[in-house]
Structure formats: structure tokens, C-alpha cells
PDB file of all heavy atoms in Angstrom:
ATOM      1  N   VAL A   1     108.002 226.782 196.708  1.00  0.00           N
ATOM      2  CA  VAL A   1     107.849 225.370 196.356  1.00  0.00           C
ATOM      3  C   VAL A   1     109.172 224.643 196.486  1.00  0.00           C
ATOM      4  O   VAL A   1     109.227 223.466 196.863  1.00  0.00           O
ATOM      5  CB  VAL A   1     107.191 225.138 194.976  1.00  0.00           C
ATOM      6  CG1 VAL A   1     105.814 225.745 194.924  1.00  0.00           C
ATOM      7  CG2 VAL A   1     108.054 225.623 193.825  1.00  0.00           C
ATOM      8  N   GLY A   2     110.269 225.328 196.198  1.00  0.00           N
ATOM      9  CA  GLY A   2     111.600 224.744 196.343  1.00  0.00           C
ATOM     10  C   GLY A   2     111.860 224.320 197.763  1.00  0.00           C
ATOM     11  O   GLY A   2     112.437 223.247 198.023  1.00  0.00           O
ATOM     12  N   GLU A   3     111.444 225.161 198.729  1.00  0.00           N
ATOM     13  CA  GLU A   3     111.631 224.824 200.131  1.00  0.00           C
ATOM     14  C   GLU A   3     110.854 223.571 200.514  1.00  0.00           C
ATOM     15  O   GLU A   3     111.371 222.701 201.210  1.00  0.00           O
ATOM     16  CB  GLU A   3     111.199 225.997 201.006  1.00  0.00           C
ATOM     17  CG  GLU A   3     112.127 227.183 200.928  1.00  0.00           C
ATOM     18  CD  GLU A   3     111.579 228.427 201.614  1.00  0.00           C
ATOM     19  OE1 GLU A   3     110.596 228.344 202.386  1.00  0.00           O
ATOM     20  OE2 GLU A   3     112.140 229.509 201.367  1.00  0.00           O
ATOM     21  N   LYS A   4     109.611 223.451 200.048  1.00  0.00           N
ATOM     22  CA  LYS A   4     108.799 222.276 200.350  1.00  0.00           C
ATOM     23  C   LYS A   4     109.379 221.054 199.661  1.00  0.00           C
ATOM     24  O   LYS A   4     109.405 219.938 200.251  1.00  0.00           O
ATOM     25  CB  LYS A   4     107.350 222.452 199.910  1.00  0.00           C
ATOM     26  CG  LYS A   4     106.522 223.230 200.891  1.00  0.00           C
ATOM     27  CD  LYS A   4     106.323 222.444 202.172  1.00  0.00           C
ATOM     28  CE  LYS A   4     105.332 223.167 203.053  1.00  0.00           C
ATOM     29  NZ  LYS A   4     105.560 222.995 204.475  1.00  0.00           N
ATOM     30  N   LEU A   5     109.785 221.201 198.417  1.00  0.00           N
ATOM     31  CA  LEU A   5     110.365 220.056 197.719  1.00  0.00           C
ATOM     32  C   LEU A   5     111.594 219.559 198.436  1.00  0.00           C
ATOM     33  O   LEU A   5     111.786 218.342 198.574  1.00  0.00           O
ATOM     34  CB  LEU A   5     110.719 220.465 196.277  1.00  0.00           C
ATOM     35  CG  LEU A   5     109.566 220.507 195.263  1.00  0.00           C
ATOM     36  CD1 LEU A   5     110.047 221.206 193.969  1.00  0.00           C
ATOM     37  CD2 LEU A   5     109.038 219.131 194.973  1.00  0.00           C
ATOM     38  N   ALA A   6     112.431 220.453 198.950  1.00  0.00           N
ATOM     39  CA  ALA A   6     113.654 220.080 199.643  1.00  0.00           C
ATOM     40  C   ALA A   6     113.325 219.297 200.933  1.00  0.00           C
ATOM     41  O   ALA A   6     114.062 218.382 201.312  1.00  0.00           O
ATOM     42  CB  ALA A   6     114.485 221.315 199.966  1.00  0.00           C
ATOM     43  N   VAL A   7     112.200 219.609 201.586  1.00  0.00           N
ATOM     44  CA  VAL A   7     111.793 218.897 202.778  1.00  0.00           C
ATOM     45  C   VAL A   7     111.325 217.497 202.440  1.00  0.00           C
ATOM     46  O   VAL A   7     111.761 216.519 203.065  1.00  0.00           O
ATOM     47  CB  VAL A   7     110.680 219.682 203.531  1.00  0.00           C
ATOM     48  CG1 VAL A   7     110.067 218.825 204.636  1.00  0.00           C
ATOM     49  CG2 VAL A   7     111.209 220.992 204.108  1.00  0.00           C
ATOM     50  N   PHE A   8     110.451 217.361 201.482  1.00  0.00           N
ATOM     51  CA  PHE A   8     109.823 216.100 201.167  1.00  0.00           C
ATOM     52  C   PHE A   8     110.606 215.249 200.157  1.00  0.00           C
ATOM     53  O   PHE A   8     110.461 214.035 200.121  1.00  0.00           O
ATOM     54  CB  PHE A   8     108.384 216.291 200.675  1.00  0.00           C
ATOM     55  CG  PHE A   8     107.489 216.848 201.747  1.00  0.00           C
ATOM     56  CD1 PHE A   8     106.984 218.132 201.665  1.00  0.00           C
ATOM     57  CD2 PHE A   8     107.150 216.061 202.841  1.00  0.00           C
ATOM     58  CE1 PHE A   8     106.144 218.638 202.633  1.00  0.00           C
ATOM     59  CE2 PHE A   8     106.311 216.558 203.813  1.00  0.00           C
ATOM     60  CZ  PHE A   8     105.808 217.838 203.725  1.00  0.00           C
ATOM     61  N   PHE A   9     111.365 215.919 199.289  1.00  0.00           N
ATOM     62  CA  PHE A   9     112.123 215.225 198.267  1.00  0.00           C
ATOM     63  C   PHE A   9     113.547 215.789 198.222  1.00  0.00           C
ATOM     64  O   PHE A   9     113.919 216.448 197.253  1.00  0.00           O
ATOM     65  CB  PHE A   9     111.477 215.414 196.900  1.00  0.00           C
ATOM     66  CG  PHE A   9     110.067 214.894 196.809  1.00  0.00           C
ATOM     67  CD1 PHE A   9     108.972 215.706 197.036  1.00  0.00           C
ATOM     68  CD2 PHE A   9     109.835 213.541 196.546  1.00  0.00           C
ATOM     69  CE1 PHE A   9     107.682 215.233 196.982  1.00  0.00           C
ATOM     70  CE2 PHE A   9     108.535 213.058 196.498  1.00  0.00           C
ATOM     71  CZ  PHE A   9     107.468 213.894 196.717  1.00  0.00           C
ATOM     72  N   PRO A  10     114.323 215.574 199.273  1.00  0.00           N
ATOM     73  CA  PRO A  10     115.672 216.161 199.321  1.00  0.00           C
ATOM     74  C   PRO A  10     116.559 215.624 198.186  1.00  0.00           C
ATOM     75  O   PRO A  10     116.346 214.545 197.689  1.00  0.00           O
ATOM     76  CB  PRO A  10     116.206 215.723 200.680  1.00  0.00           C
ATOM     77  CG  PRO A  10     115.361 214.597 201.129  1.00  0.00           C
ATOM     78  CD  PRO A  10     114.045 214.728 200.420  1.00  0.00           C
ATOM     79  N   TRP A  11     117.512 216.465 197.829  1.00  0.00           N
ATOM     80  CA  TRP A  11     118.439 216.101 196.769  1.00  0.00           C
ATOM     81  C   TRP A  11     119.251 214.875 197.221  1.00  0.00           C
ATOM     82  O   TRP A  11     119.601 214.743 198.403  1.00  0.00           O
ATOM     83  CB  TRP A  11     119.382 217.263 196.476  1.00  0.00           C
ATOM     84  CG  TRP A  11     120.323 217.004 195.360  1.00  0.00           C
ATOM     85  CD1 TRP A  11     120.088 217.149 194.036  1.00  0.00           C
ATOM     86  CD2 TRP A  11     121.650 216.486 195.453  1.00  0.00           C
ATOM     87  NE1 TRP A  11     121.187 216.775 193.297  1.00  0.00           N
ATOM     88  CE2 TRP A  11     122.180 216.367 194.167  1.00  0.00           C
ATOM     89  CE3 TRP A  11     122.446 216.141 196.535  1.00  0.00           C
ATOM     90  CZ2 TRP A  11     123.452 215.913 193.908  1.00  0.00           C
ATOM     91  CZ3 TRP A  11     123.740 215.680 196.287  1.00  0.00           C
ATOM     92  CH2 TRP A  11     124.221 215.534 194.964  1.00  0.00           C
ATOM     93  N   ASP A  12     119.544 214.018 196.286  1.00  0.00           N
ATOM     94  CA  ASP A  12     120.314 212.820 196.527  1.00  0.00           C
ATOM     95  C   ASP A  12     121.412 212.781 195.488  1.00  0.00           C
ATOM     96  O   ASP A  12     121.241 213.255 194.358  1.00  0.00           O
ATOM     97  CB  ASP A  12     119.399 211.591 196.407  1.00  0.00           C
ATOM     98  CG  ASP A  12     120.109 210.298 196.711  1.00  0.00           C
ATOM     99  OD1 ASP A  12     120.869 209.830 195.863  1.00  0.00           O
ATOM    100  OD2 ASP A  12     119.919 209.762 197.838  1.00  0.00           O
ATOM    101  N   GLU A  13     122.540 212.214 195.816  1.00  0.00           N
ATOM    102  CA  GLU A  13     123.669 212.174 194.861  1.00  0.00           C
ATOM    103  C   GLU A  13     123.353 211.467 193.569  1.00  0.00           C
ATOM    104  O   GLU A  13     124.016 211.665 192.548  1.00  0.00           O
ATOM    105  CB  GLU A  13     124.901 211.569 195.516  1.00  0.00           C
ATOM    106  CG  GLU A  13     124.730 210.147 195.956  1.00  0.00           C
ATOM    107  CD  GLU A  13     125.926 209.623 196.764  1.00  0.00           C
ATOM    108  OE1 GLU A  13     126.500 210.434 197.514  1.00  0.00           O
ATOM    109  OE2 GLU A  13     126.249 208.450 196.628  1.00  0.00           O
ATOM    110  N   ASP A  14     122.293 210.624 193.547  1.00  0.00           N
ATOM    111  CA  ASP A  14     121.897 209.951 192.333  1.00  0.00           C
ATOM    112  C   ASP A  14     120.929 210.756 191.472  1.00  0.00           C
ATOM    113  O   ASP A  14     120.544 210.325 190.388  1.00  0.00           O
ATOM    114  CB  ASP A  14     121.214 208.591 192.675  1.00  0.00           C
ATOM    115  CG  ASP A  14     122.169 207.620 193.333  1.00  0.00           C
ATOM    116  OD1 ASP A  14     123.389 207.710 193.085  1.00  0.00           O
ATOM    117  OD2 ASP A  14     121.682 206.780 194.101  1.00  0.00           O
ATOM    118  N   ASP A  15     120.515 211.940 191.980  1.00  0.00           N
ATOM    119  CA  ASP A  15     119.534 212.735 191.245  1.00  0.00           C
ATOM    120  C   ASP A  15     120.113 213.322 189.987  1.00  0.00           C
ATOM    121  O   ASP A  15     121.289 213.690 189.947  1.00  0.00           O
ATOM    122  CB  ASP A  15     119.025 213.884 192.129  1.00  0.00           C
ATOM    123  CG  ASP A  15     118.073 213.421 193.206  1.00  0.00           C
ATOM    124  OD1 ASP A  15     117.477 212.346 193.053  1.00  0.00           O
ATOM    125  OD2 ASP A  15     117.969 214.126 194.216  1.00  0.00           O
ATOM    126  N   THR A  16     119.276 213.365 188.954  1.00  0.00           N
ATOM    127  CA  THR A  16     119.675 214.036 187.698  1.00  0.00           C
ATOM    128  C   THR A  16     118.549 215.085 187.402  1.00  0.00           C
ATOM    129  O   THR A  16     117.405 214.899 187.824  1.00  0.00           O
ATOM    130  CB  THR A  16     119.767 213.045 186.544  1.00  0.00           C
ATOM    131  OG1 THR A  16     118.492 212.383 186.400  1.00  0.00           O
ATOM    132  CG2 THR A  16     120.843 212.017 186.753  1.00  0.00           C
ATOM    133  N   ASN A  17     118.937 216.075 186.662  1.00  0.00           N
ATOM    134  CA  ASN A  17     117.954 217.069 186.235  1.00  0.00           C
ATOM    135  C   ASN A  17     117.152 216.458 185.067  1.00  0.00           C
ATOM    136  O   ASN A  17     117.663 216.312 183.992  1.00  0.00           O
ATOM    137  CB  ASN A  17     118.645 218.379 185.768  1.00  0.00           C
ATOM    138  CG  ASN A  17     117.726 219.518 185.600  1.00  0.00           C
ATOM    139  OD1 ASN A  17     116.527 219.422 185.912  1.00  0.00           O
ATOM    140  ND2 ASN A  17     118.223 220.605 185.084  1.00  0.00           N
ATOM    141  N   GLU A  18     115.924 216.064 185.406  1.00  0.00           N
ATOM    142  CA  GLU A  18     115.136 215.308 184.431  1.00  0.00           C
ATOM    143  C   GLU A  18     114.493 216.146 183.353  1.00  0.00           C
ATOM    144  O   GLU A  18     114.152 215.666 182.271  1.00  0.00           O
ATOM    145  CB  GLU A  18     114.011 214.517 185.185  1.00  0.00           C
ATOM    146  CG  GLU A  18     114.536 213.520 186.151  1.00  0.00           C
ATOM    147  CD  GLU A  18     113.412 212.834 186.914  1.00  0.00           C
ATOM    148  OE1 GLU A  18     112.723 211.959 186.295  1.00  0.00           O
ATOM    149  OE2 GLU A  18     113.205 213.149 188.092  1.00  0.00           O
ATOM    150  N   LEU A  19     114.295 217.439 183.623  1.00  0.00           N
ATOM    151  CA  LEU A  19     113.621 218.341 182.679  1.00  0.00           C
ATOM    152  C   LEU A  19     114.410 219.648 182.529  1.00  0.00           C
ATOM    153  O   LEU A  19     115.047 220.084 183.489  1.00  0.00           O
ATOM    154  CB  LEU A  19     112.198 218.618 183.164  1.00  0.00           C
ATOM    155  CG  LEU A  19     111.282 217.421 183.286  1.00  0.00           C
ATOM    156  CD1 LEU A  19     109.987 217.812 183.978  1.00  0.00           C
ATOM    157  CD2 LEU A  19     110.985 216.811 181.915  1.00  0.00           C
ATOM    158  N   PRO A  20     114.291 220.299 181.373  1.00  0.00           N
ATOM    159  CA  PRO A  20     115.005 221.590 181.175  1.00  0.00           C
ATOM    160  C   PRO A  20     114.524 222.666 182.153  1.00  0.00           C
ATOM    161  O   PRO A  20     113.363 222.649 182.583  1.00  0.00           O
ATOM    162  CB  PRO A  20     114.663 221.955 179.745  1.00  0.00           C
ATOM    163  CG  PRO A  20     113.999 220.806 179.143  1.00  0.00           C
ATOM    164  CD  PRO A  20     113.543 219.897 180.213  1.00  0.00           C
ATOM    165  N   ASP A  21     115.378 223.582 182.466  1.00  0.00           N
ATOM    166  CA  ASP A  21     115.028 224.686 183.379  1.00  0.00           C
ATOM    167  C   ASP A  21     114.540 225.937 182.661  1.00  0.00           C
ATOM    168  O   ASP A  21     114.066 226.858 183.284  1.00  0.00           O
ATOM    169  CB  ASP A  21     116.261 225.037 184.261  1.00  0.00           C
ATOM    170  CG  ASP A  21     116.707 223.866 185.121  1.00  0.00           C
ATOM    171  OD1 ASP A  21     115.869 223.041 185.504  1.00  0.00           O
ATOM    172  OD2 ASP A  21     117.938 223.745 185.330  1.00  0.00           O
ATOM    173  N   GLN A  22     114.713 225.993 181.350  1.00  0.00           N
ATOM    174  CA  GLN A  22     114.321 227.190 180.569  1.00  0.00           C
ATOM    175  C   GLN A  22     112.827 227.446 180.653  1.00  0.00           C
ATOM    176  O   GLN A  22     112.043 226.516 180.801  1.00  0.00           O
ATOM    177  CB  GLN A  22     114.737 227.035 179.096  1.00  0.00           C
ATOM    178  CG  GLN A  22     116.182 227.295 178.830  1.00  0.00           C
ATOM    179  CD  GLN A  22     117.103 226.260 179.460  1.00  0.00           C
ATOM    180  OE1 GLN A  22     116.729 225.083 179.578  1.00  0.00           O
ATOM    181  NE2 GLN A  22     118.273 226.674 179.890  1.00  0.00           N
ATOM    182  N   ILE A  23     112.474 228.732 180.542  1.00  0.00           N
ATOM    183  CA  ILE A  23     111.071 229.125 180.463  1.00  0.00           C
ATOM    184  C   ILE A  23     110.582 228.736 179.103  1.00  0.00           C
ATOM    185  O   ILE A  23     111.240 229.029 178.073  1.00  0.00           O
ATOM    186  CB  ILE A  23     110.898 230.638 180.709  1.00  0.00           C
ATOM    187  CG1 ILE A  23     111.328 230.969 182.131  1.00  0.00           C
ATOM    188  CG2 ILE A  23     109.457 231.054 180.435  1.00  0.00           C
ATOM    189  CD1 ILE A  23     111.371 232.456 182.427  1.00  0.00           C
ATOM    190  N   THR A  24     109.439 228.055 179.032  1.00  0.00           N
ATOM    191  CA  THR A  24     108.882 227.649 177.725  1.00  0.00           C
ATOM    192  C   THR A  24     107.724 228.556 177.391  1.00  0.00           C
ATOM    193  O   THR A  24     107.080 229.163 178.289  1.00  0.00           O
ATOM    194  CB  THR A  24     108.456 226.178 177.735  1.00  0.00           C
ATOM    195  OG1 THR A  24     107.574 225.940 178.823  1.00  0.00           O
ATOM    196  CG2 THR A  24     109.666 225.246 177.856  1.00  0.00           C
TER     197      THR A  24
END
């Protein structure tokens, strides 16, 4: 899914990590 996200929603310098990465 990361590969697909990178294609359709590439990282931009304005991007912020909107949600925690921890397993809930």
C-alpha cells in the first residue's frame, strides 16, 4: 500500500504525519 500511496499521493515538503504510527 505504501508503494501505491507514493504513486498517487507522493510526499510533499508541506506534509505532516497526521496520525500516530504505533500499533493500537
